[in-house]
C-alpha atoms as a PDB file:
ATOM      1  CA  MET A   1     -23.171-182.816-234.636  1.00  0.00           C
ATOM      2  CA  PRO A   2     -25.546-185.709-235.216  1.00  0.00           C
ATOM      3  CA  LEU A   3     -23.947-189.061-235.949  1.00  0.00           C
ATOM      4  CA  SER A   4     -25.573-189.094-239.398  1.00  0.00           C
ATOM      5  CA  ALA A   5     -23.779-185.822-240.298  1.00  0.00           C
ATOM      6  CA  TYR A   6     -20.492-187.176-238.915  1.00  0.00           C
ATOM      7  CA  ARG A   7     -20.826-190.255-241.110  1.00  0.00           C
ATOM      8  CA  LYS A   8     -21.131-187.948-244.118  1.00  0.00           C
ATOM      9  CA  GLY A   9     -17.853-186.280-243.174  1.00  0.00           C
ATOM     10  CA  GLY A  10     -19.499-183.238-241.609  1.00  0.00           C
ATOM     11  CA  LEU A  11     -21.086-182.147-244.884  1.00  0.00           C
ATOM     12  CA  ASN A  12     -22.939-178.816-244.406  1.00  0.00           C
ATOM     13  CA  VAL A  13     -21.914-178.564-240.732  1.00  0.00           C
ATOM     14  CA  SER A  14     -20.289-175.306-239.693  1.00  0.00           C
ATOM     15  CA  ILE A  15     -17.762-175.409-236.846  1.00  0.00           C
ATOM     16  CA  GLU A  16     -16.773-172.212-235.035  1.00  0.00           C
ATOM     17  CA  TYR A  17     -13.584-172.235-232.988  1.00  0.00           C
ATOM     18  CA  THR A  18     -11.410-170.023-230.844  1.00  0.00           C
ATOM     19  CA  THR A  19      -8.505-170.241-228.448  1.00  0.00           C
ATOM     20  CA  VAL A  20      -8.679-169.116-224.840  1.00  0.00           C
ATOM     21  CA  ALA A  21      -6.051-168.675-222.168  1.00  0.00           C
ATOM     22  CA  SER A  22      -6.077-171.208-219.345  1.00  0.00           C
ATOM     23  CA  PRO A  23      -3.747-171.867-216.412  1.00  0.00           C
ATOM     24  CA  ALA A  24      -2.326-174.814-218.386  1.00  0.00           C
ATOM     25  CA  GLY A  25      -1.757-172.737-221.538  1.00  0.00           C
ATOM     26  CA  PRO A  26      -3.770-171.957-224.674  1.00  0.00           C
ATOM     27  CA  LEU A  27      -6.909-174.070-225.108  1.00  0.00           C
ATOM     28  CA  LEU A  28      -8.763-174.738-228.386  1.00  0.00           C
ATOM     29  CA  VAL A  29     -12.559-174.724-228.052  1.00  0.00           C
ATOM     30  CA  ALA A  30     -14.862-175.590-230.976  1.00  0.00           C
ATOM     31  CA  ALA A  31     -18.646-175.798-231.352  1.00  0.00           C
ATOM     32  CA  THR A  32     -21.405-176.411-233.867  1.00  0.00           C
ATOM     33  CA  GLY A  33     -24.910-174.949-233.744  1.00  0.00           C
ATOM     34  CA  ARG A  34     -25.862-177.945-231.603  1.00  0.00           C
ATOM     35  CA  GLY A  35     -23.185-177.382-228.968  1.00  0.00           C
ATOM     36  CA  LEU A  36     -19.593-178.021-227.955  1.00  0.00           C
ATOM     37  CA  CYS A  37     -17.739-180.407-230.248  1.00  0.00           C
ATOM     38  CA  SER A  38     -14.124-180.153-229.130  1.00  0.00           C
ATOM     39  CA  GLU A  39     -12.205-179.213-226.056  1.00  0.00           C
ATOM     40  CA  PRO A  40      -8.879-181.008-226.297  1.00  0.00           C
ATOM     41  CA  ALA A  41      -6.651-180.775-223.272  1.00  0.00           C
ATOM     42  CA  PRO A  42      -3.301-179.056-223.693  1.00  0.00           C
ATOM     43  CA  PRO A  43      -0.260-181.333-223.763  1.00  0.00           C
ATOM     44  CA  THR A  44       1.002-182.321-220.356  1.00  0.00           C
ATOM     45  CA  ARG A  45       4.612-182.412-219.290  1.00  0.00           C
ATOM     46  CA  TRP A  46       5.710-185.700-217.817  1.00  0.00           C
ATOM     47  CA  ARG A  47       8.135-185.856-214.938  1.00  0.00           C
ATOM     48  CA  TRP A  48      10.417-188.881-215.044  1.00  0.00           C
END
């Protein structure tokens, strides 16, 4: 999404999303017509 659209709060921008299986667990992937906009990593487990 262009920065100008982001500044307007994403007005008139459509975001498609889905979840996919990964070795680390479910992964959320989102995209606009211009390309990928989100691919957050799944939470990690810390070893103390």
